Amino acid sequence: MEELDENAQQRRETFARYGIAMYHAQCVEKSLAILVSSVFNKDFLPSNPDCREEIQDEVFSKTIGKLLTRMRKQIVVPANLDRKLDDAWQKRNWLAHEYFWARAGEIMTTRGRDKMIEELTGLSDFFSKVDAHLVSICKKWSKRVGVPQAVIDENFKRLIQDNE
């Protein structure tokens, strides 16, 4: 494998940090879809498995903004979570649609890339914390409605095995 010079290594690190931040942003989006489709959907549990799959397929095609709108119709979102989700929505859209344009000058310099790496690390941490909050809501709901941990573990195991 070819040895990279310092600038190339830093550019690679910048793009890797961007990828990690987008990954965590997508985790927030998908956790929100799970909440909207099941946890906050009174029709989910009484439905048959095929109907539940249709509900999830439909919701998983939605963007974070549409998911937030739908969630707000389903429940009263606590103010602190609502602010975090609005912030996540804005940051995710900026990251996906504007980030590299907004940082066109910075990406050309070592100091600018250092700033971007720090910024992207912060965004990744933010999205990761928001996702952890959403996942904790899902876990509490799963426990409350009696979804056995073994079922969750089996699905997680299958997800990993399907991609090995």
Protein backbone atom coordinates (compact mmCIF):
# COMPACT_ATOMS: atom_id res chain seq x y z
CA MET A 1 0.00 0.00 0.00
CA GLU A 2 1.27 3.43 -0.94
CA GLU A 3 2.44 5.72 1.87
CA LEU A 4 0.42 8.95 1.98
CA ASP A 5 1.97 12.34 2.59
CA GLU A 6 0.75 14.44 5.52
CA ASN A 7 -1.71 16.50 3.45
CA ALA A 8 -3.22 13.40 1.85
CA GLN A 9 -3.59 11.75 5.26
CA GLN A 10 -5.31 14.83 6.64
CA ARG A 11 -7.67 15.03 3.63
CA ARG A 12 -8.50 11.35 4.11
CA GLU A 13 -9.19 11.97 7.81
CA THR A 14 -11.45 14.93 6.96
CA PHE A 15 -13.57 12.86 4.59
CA ALA A 16 -13.64 9.95 7.03
CA ARG A 17 -14.93 12.26 9.78
CA TYR A 18 -17.58 13.54 7.39
CA GLY A 19 -18.66 9.96 6.72
CA ILE A 20 -18.87 9.16 10.42
CA ALA A 21 -20.93 12.32 11.07
CA MET A 22 -23.34 11.42 8.25
CA TYR A 23 -23.59 7.86 9.58
CA HIS A 24 -24.66 9.17 12.99
CA ALA A 25 -27.10 11.61 11.36
CA GLN A 26 -28.69 8.69 9.50
CA CYS A 27 -28.91 6.74 12.75
CA VAL A 28 -30.96 9.63 14.20
CA GLU A 29 -33.20 9.59 11.14
CA LYS A 30 -33.80 5.83 11.30
CA SER A 31 -34.34 5.83 15.08
CA LEU A 32 -36.90 8.56 14.55
CA ALA A 33 -38.57 6.39 11.88
CA ILE A 34 -38.77 3.50 14.34
CA LEU A 35 -40.38 5.75 16.94
CA VAL A 36 -42.90 7.15 14.45
CA SER A 37 -43.80 3.78 12.95
CA SER A 38 -44.10 1.78 16.15
CA VAL A 39 -43.59 3.42 19.54
CA PHE A 40 -45.86 6.43 18.87
CA ASN A 41 -48.23 4.61 16.50
CA LYS A 42 -51.21 3.15 18.37
CA ASP A 43 -52.09 1.01 15.32
CA PHE A 44 -48.71 -0.73 15.16
CA LEU A 45 -48.96 -3.46 17.81
CA PRO A 46 -52.53 -4.59 17.02
CA SER A 47 -51.63 -4.95 13.33
CA ASN A 48 -50.60 -8.22 11.75
CA PRO A 49 -46.91 -8.68 10.85
CA ASP A 50 -47.44 -7.87 7.14
CA CYS A 51 -49.23 -4.64 8.01
CA ARG A 52 -46.48 -3.69 10.48
CA GLU A 53 -43.92 -4.23 7.74
CA GLU A 54 -45.92 -1.98 5.38
CA ILE A 55 -46.12 0.70 8.08
CA GLN A 56 -42.37 0.59 8.59
CA ASP A 57 -41.58 0.54 4.86
CA GLU A 58 -43.72 3.64 4.34
CA VAL A 59 -42.22 5.51 7.29
CA PHE A 60 -38.62 4.54 6.52
CA SER A 61 -38.92 6.29 3.14
CA LYS A 62 -39.57 9.65 4.87
CA THR A 63 -37.00 12.36 5.46
CA ILE A 64 -36.21 13.62 8.93
CA GLY A 65 -38.36 16.74 8.47
CA LYS A 66 -41.41 14.70 7.48
CA LEU A 67 -40.77 12.31 10.36
CA LEU A 68 -40.69 15.19 12.84
CA THR A 69 -43.94 16.59 11.46
CA ARG A 70 -45.59 13.20 11.75
CA MET A 71 -44.26 12.58 15.26
CA ARG A 72 -45.59 15.94 16.42
CA LYS A 73 -49.03 14.90 15.18
CA GLN A 74 -48.79 11.63 17.13
CA ILE A 75 -47.54 12.92 20.49
CA VAL A 76 -46.64 16.06 22.40
CA VAL A 77 -42.87 16.03 22.17
CA PRO A 78 -41.12 17.21 25.35
CA ALA A 79 -39.57 20.65 24.74
CA ASN A 80 -35.96 19.58 25.38
CA LEU A 81 -36.23 16.65 22.94
CA ASP A 82 -38.07 18.77 20.40
CA ARG A 83 -35.25 21.34 20.43
CA LYS A 84 -32.62 18.60 20.03
CA LEU A 85 -34.53 17.06 17.12
CA ASP A 86 -34.96 20.44 15.40
CA ASP A 87 -31.24 21.05 15.87
CA ALA A 88 -30.46 17.58 14.49
CA TRP A 89 -32.70 18.23 11.49
CA GLN A 90 -31.02 21.55 10.70
CA LYS A 91 -27.51 20.18 11.22
CA ARG A 92 -28.21 17.06 9.16
CA ASN A 93 -29.55 19.08 6.24
CA TRP A 94 -26.65 21.51 6.40
CA LEU A 95 -24.17 18.63 6.56
CA ALA A 96 -25.81 16.78 3.65
CA HIS A 97 -26.48 19.74 1.37
CA GLU A 98 -24.16 22.63 2.25
CA TYR A 99 -21.15 21.46 4.24
CA PHE A 100 -18.47 21.22 1.59
CA TRP A 101 -19.69 24.33 -0.20
CA ALA A 102 -19.58 26.25 3.08
CA ARG A 103 -16.10 24.88 3.79
CA ALA A 104 -14.65 25.26 0.25
CA GLY A 105 -11.84 27.51 1.50
CA GLU A 106 -11.04 25.56 4.64
CA ILE A 107 -10.60 22.25 2.85
CA MET A 108 -7.72 23.77 0.89
CA THR A 109 -5.53 24.42 3.94
CA THR A 110 -4.04 22.38 6.77
CA ARG A 111 -5.48 24.70 9.41
CA GLY A 112 -8.87 24.66 7.72
CA ARG A 113 -8.94 20.86 7.57
CA ASP A 114 -7.96 20.71 11.26
CA LYS A 115 -10.95 22.94 11.99
CA MET A 116 -13.21 20.74 9.85
CA ILE A 117 -12.03 17.55 11.58
CA GLU A 118 -12.83 19.09 14.96
CA GLU A 119 -16.19 20.37 13.72
CA LEU A 120 -17.15 17.04 12.15
CA THR A 121 -16.14 15.18 15.30
CA GLY A 122 -18.43 17.49 17.30
CA LEU A 123 -21.30 16.90 14.87
CA SER A 124 -20.78 13.16 15.08
CA ASP A 125 -20.86 13.31 18.89
CA PHE A 126 -24.02 15.43 18.82
CA PHE A 127 -25.87 13.05 16.46
CA SER A 128 -24.66 10.05 18.46
CA LYS A 129 -26.08 11.51 21.70
CA VAL A 130 -29.43 12.35 20.08
CA ASP A 131 -29.60 8.83 18.66
CA ALA A 132 -28.79 7.32 22.06
CA HIS A 133 -31.73 9.28 23.53
CA LEU A 134 -34.08 7.98 20.82
CA VAL A 135 -32.81 4.41 21.22
CA SER A 136 -33.41 4.60 24.98
CA ILE A 137 -37.05 5.53 24.28
CA CYS A 138 -37.35 2.53 21.95
CA LYS A 139 -35.81 0.20 24.53
CA LYS A 140 -38.17 1.38 27.27
CA TRP A 141 -41.15 0.89 24.96
CA SER A 142 -39.98 -2.58 23.90
CA LYS A 143 -39.63 -3.61 27.52
CA ARG A 144 -43.01 -2.12 28.46
CA VAL A 145 -44.88 -3.93 25.66
CA GLY A 146 -43.08 -7.20 26.35
CA VAL A 147 -40.70 -7.61 23.44
CA PRO A 148 -38.23 -10.21 24.73
CA GLN A 149 -34.58 -9.16 24.66
CA ALA A 150 -33.86 -12.46 22.90
CA VAL A 151 -35.97 -11.30 19.92
CA ILE A 152 -34.05 -8.01 19.73
CA ASP A 153 -30.72 -9.81 20.04
CA GLU A 154 -31.69 -12.31 17.32
CA ASN A 155 -32.67 -9.54 14.90
CA PHE A 156 -29.43 -7.70 15.61
CA LYS A 157 -27.44 -10.90 15.11
CA ARG A 158 -29.23 -11.57 11.81
CA LEU A 159 -28.47 -8.03 10.64
CA ILE A 160 -24.76 -8.56 11.25
CA GLN A 161 -24.70 -12.07 9.76
CA ASP A 162 -26.49 -10.93 6.62
CA ASN A 163 -23.62 -8.54 5.99
CA GLU A 164 -20.63 -10.74 6.77
